[in-house]
Amino acid sequence: MDFIKQAGRRSVPTSDTYFLELASDSISPEEDYLMKESKKEVLFICKQLATPYQEVALEHYYKELSVQEIAKRNGKNIKTIQTQLYRAKALIKKILERSD
């Protein structure tokens, strides 16, 4: 047992493995900024939709909930949520085409 403990204390992580592990765990400030800006843009676009589509689009695209979670939360049928999401997506596409 002492030999195993000593071996663990003797092993020193190299700088390559340390920085690779550190880089994989965190995101860069640029990525963080881009994520925040894209979330703002999604929120702005979803707020332009009509009431039933706005709710579904916000929960799916902004809050990143699945169709099953949205249906359970709202007490609606899964197929109803899928249809509303399909229509919301078409409306979002029209909004984006108009803005370009």
C-alpha atoms as a PDB file:
ATOM      1  CA  MET A   1       0.000   0.000   0.000  1.00  0.00           C
ATOM      2  CA  ASP A   2       2.805   2.417   0.819  1.00  0.00           C
ATOM      3  CA  PHE A   3       4.361   1.829  -2.591  1.00  0.00           C
ATOM      4  CA  ILE A   4       1.079   2.676  -4.322  1.00  0.00           C
ATOM      5  CA  LYS A   5       0.645   5.846  -2.257  1.00  0.00           C
ATOM      6  CA  GLN A   6       4.203   6.910  -3.029  1.00  0.00           C
ATOM      7  CA  ALA A   7       3.681   6.342  -6.740  1.00  0.00           C
ATOM      8  CA  GLY A   8       0.624   8.599  -6.650  1.00  0.00           C
ATOM      9  CA  ARG A   9       2.604  11.361  -4.966  1.00  0.00           C
ATOM     10  CA  ARG A  10       5.497  11.019  -7.384  1.00  0.00           C
ATOM     11  CA  SER A  11       3.403  11.424 -10.517  1.00  0.00           C
ATOM     12  CA  VAL A  12       3.406  15.042 -11.579  1.00  0.00           C
ATOM     13  CA  PRO A  13       0.958  16.126 -14.278  1.00  0.00           C
ATOM     14  CA  THR A  14       2.620  17.700 -17.253  1.00  0.00           C
ATOM     15  CA  SER A  15       1.623  21.157 -18.353  1.00  0.00           C
ATOM     16  CA  ASP A  16       0.177  19.766 -21.598  1.00  0.00           C
ATOM     17  CA  THR A  17      -2.406  17.590 -19.880  1.00  0.00           C
ATOM     18  CA  TYR A  18      -3.211  20.274 -17.305  1.00  0.00           C
ATOM     19  CA  PHE A  19      -3.944  22.936 -19.909  1.00  0.00           C
ATOM     20  CA  LEU A  20      -5.874  20.534 -22.139  1.00  0.00           C
ATOM     21  CA  GLU A  21      -8.144  19.595 -19.247  1.00  0.00           C
ATOM     22  CA  LEU A  22      -8.517  23.236 -18.249  1.00  0.00           C
ATOM     23  CA  ALA A  23      -9.378  24.301 -21.805  1.00  0.00           C
ATOM     24  CA  SER A  24     -11.987  21.596 -22.261  1.00  0.00           C
ATOM     25  CA  ASP A  25     -13.866  22.605 -19.100  1.00  0.00           C
ATOM     26  CA  SER A  26     -14.255  26.313 -19.723  1.00  0.00           C
ATOM     27  CA  ILE A  27     -15.475  28.398 -22.636  1.00  0.00           C
ATOM     28  CA  SER A  28     -13.738  31.461 -23.947  1.00  0.00           C
ATOM     29  CA  PRO A  29     -15.085  34.966 -23.341  1.00  0.00           C
ATOM     30  CA  GLU A  30     -15.864  35.265 -27.050  1.00  0.00           C
ATOM     31  CA  GLU A  31     -17.972  32.097 -26.997  1.00  0.00           C
ATOM     32  CA  ASP A  32     -19.746  33.298 -23.861  1.00  0.00           C
ATOM     33  CA  TYR A  33     -20.549  36.643 -25.494  1.00  0.00           C
ATOM     34  CA  LEU A  34     -21.793  34.982 -28.691  1.00  0.00           C
ATOM     35  CA  MET A  35     -24.024  32.634 -26.696  1.00  0.00           C
ATOM     36  CA  LYS A  36     -25.559  35.556 -24.789  1.00  0.00           C
ATOM     37  CA  GLU A  37     -26.130  37.570 -27.952  1.00  0.00           C
ATOM     38  CA  SER A  38     -27.733  34.667 -29.779  1.00  0.00           C
ATOM     39  CA  LYS A  39     -30.026  34.038 -26.780  1.00  0.00           C
ATOM     40  CA  LYS A  40     -31.084  37.717 -26.895  1.00  0.00           C
ATOM     41  CA  GLU A  41     -31.787  37.435 -30.598  1.00  0.00           C
ATOM     42  CA  VAL A  42     -33.869  34.289 -30.134  1.00  0.00           C
ATOM     43  CA  LEU A  43     -35.849  35.984 -27.367  1.00  0.00           C
ATOM     44  CA  PHE A  44     -36.473  39.060 -29.538  1.00  0.00           C
ATOM     45  CA  ILE A  45     -37.680  36.979 -32.483  1.00  0.00           C
ATOM     46  CA  CYS A  46     -39.894  34.721 -30.358  1.00  0.00           C
ATOM     47  CA  LYS A  47     -41.545  37.750 -28.733  1.00  0.00           C
ATOM     48  CA  GLN A  48     -42.796  38.842 -32.178  1.00  0.00           C
ATOM     49  CA  LEU A  49     -44.976  35.732 -32.585  1.00  0.00           C
ATOM     50  CA  ALA A  50     -48.667  35.403 -31.746  1.00  0.00           C
ATOM     51  CA  THR A  51     -49.665  34.059 -28.320  1.00  0.00           C
ATOM     52  CA  PRO A  52     -49.793  30.248 -28.640  1.00  0.00           C
ATOM     53  CA  TYR A  53     -46.744  30.145 -30.914  1.00  0.00           C
ATOM     54  CA  GLN A  54     -44.803  32.600 -28.780  1.00  0.00           C
ATOM     55  CA  GLU A  55     -45.167  30.443 -25.661  1.00  0.00           C
ATOM     56  CA  VAL A  56     -44.122  27.249 -27.400  1.00  0.00           C
ATOM     57  CA  ALA A  57     -41.233  28.897 -29.263  1.00  0.00           C
ATOM     58  CA  LEU A  58     -39.897  30.524 -26.100  1.00  0.00           C
ATOM     59  CA  GLU A  59     -39.998  27.281 -24.167  1.00  0.00           C
ATOM     60  CA  HIS A  60     -38.420  25.249 -26.955  1.00  0.00           C
ATOM     61  CA  TYR A  61     -35.856  27.612 -28.479  1.00  0.00           C
ATOM     62  CA  TYR A  62     -35.056  29.940 -25.566  1.00  0.00           C
ATOM     63  CA  LYS A  63     -35.471  27.685 -22.542  1.00  0.00           C
ATOM     64  CA  GLU A  64     -34.380  24.625 -24.563  1.00  0.00           C
ATOM     65  CA  LEU A  65     -37.166  22.338 -23.330  1.00  0.00           C
ATOM     66  CA  SER A  66     -38.192  19.248 -25.252  1.00  0.00           C
ATOM     67  CA  VAL A  67     -41.645  18.809 -26.766  1.00  0.00           C
ATOM     68  CA  GLN A  68     -42.520  16.266 -24.074  1.00  0.00           C
ATOM     69  CA  GLU A  69     -41.502  18.665 -21.298  1.00  0.00           C
ATOM     70  CA  ILE A  70     -43.531  21.512 -22.818  1.00  0.00           C
ATOM     71  CA  ALA A  71     -46.603  19.274 -23.200  1.00  0.00           C
ATOM     72  CA  LYS A  72     -46.303  18.072 -19.622  1.00  0.00           C
ATOM     73  CA  ARG A  73     -45.794  21.597 -18.283  1.00  0.00           C
ATOM     74  CA  ASN A  74     -48.766  23.068 -20.200  1.00  0.00           C
ATOM     75  CA  GLY A  75     -51.052  20.056 -19.844  1.00  0.00           C
ATOM     76  CA  LYS A  76     -51.478  19.745 -23.604  1.00  0.00           C
ATOM     77  CA  ASN A  77     -51.170  16.885 -26.042  1.00  0.00           C
ATOM     78  CA  ILE A  78     -47.700  16.252 -27.512  1.00  0.00           C
ATOM     79  CA  LYS A  79     -49.076  16.424 -31.051  1.00  0.00           C
ATOM     80  CA  THR A  80     -50.605  19.847 -30.323  1.00  0.00           C
ATOM     81  CA  ILE A  81     -47.230  21.159 -29.149  1.00  0.00           C
ATOM     82  CA  GLN A  82     -45.514  19.677 -32.198  1.00  0.00           C
ATOM     83  CA  THR A  83     -47.998  21.389 -34.522  1.00  0.00           C
ATOM     84  CA  GLN A  84     -47.640  24.731 -32.740  1.00  0.00           C
ATOM     85  CA  LEU A  85     -43.864  24.414 -32.851  1.00  0.00           C
ATOM     86  CA  TYR A  86     -43.971  23.594 -36.574  1.00  0.00           C
ATOM     87  CA  ARG A  87     -46.094  26.668 -37.255  1.00  0.00           C
ATOM     88  CA  ALA A  88     -43.922  28.836 -35.002  1.00  0.00           C
ATOM     89  CA  LYS A  89     -40.850  27.716 -36.917  1.00  0.00           C
ATOM     90  CA  ALA A  90     -42.488  28.724 -40.211  1.00  0.00           C
ATOM     91  CA  LEU A  91     -43.382  32.140 -38.777  1.00  0.00           C
ATOM     92  CA  ILE A  92     -39.841  32.607 -37.479  1.00  0.00           C
ATOM     93  CA  LYS A  93     -38.517  31.783 -40.925  1.00  0.00           C
ATOM     94  CA  LYS A  94     -40.749  34.489 -42.438  1.00  0.00           C
ATOM     95  CA  ILE A  95     -39.577  37.027 -39.850  1.00  0.00           C
ATOM     96  CA  LEU A  96     -35.936  36.239 -40.607  1.00  0.00           C
ATOM     97  CA  GLU A  97     -36.489  36.471 -44.355  1.00  0.00           C
ATOM     98  CA  ARG A  98     -38.124  39.892 -43.948  1.00  0.00           C
ATOM     99  CA  SER A  99     -35.285  41.202 -41.779  1.00  0.00           C
ATOM    100  CA  ASP A 100     -32.604  40.199 -44.310  1.00  0.00           C
END
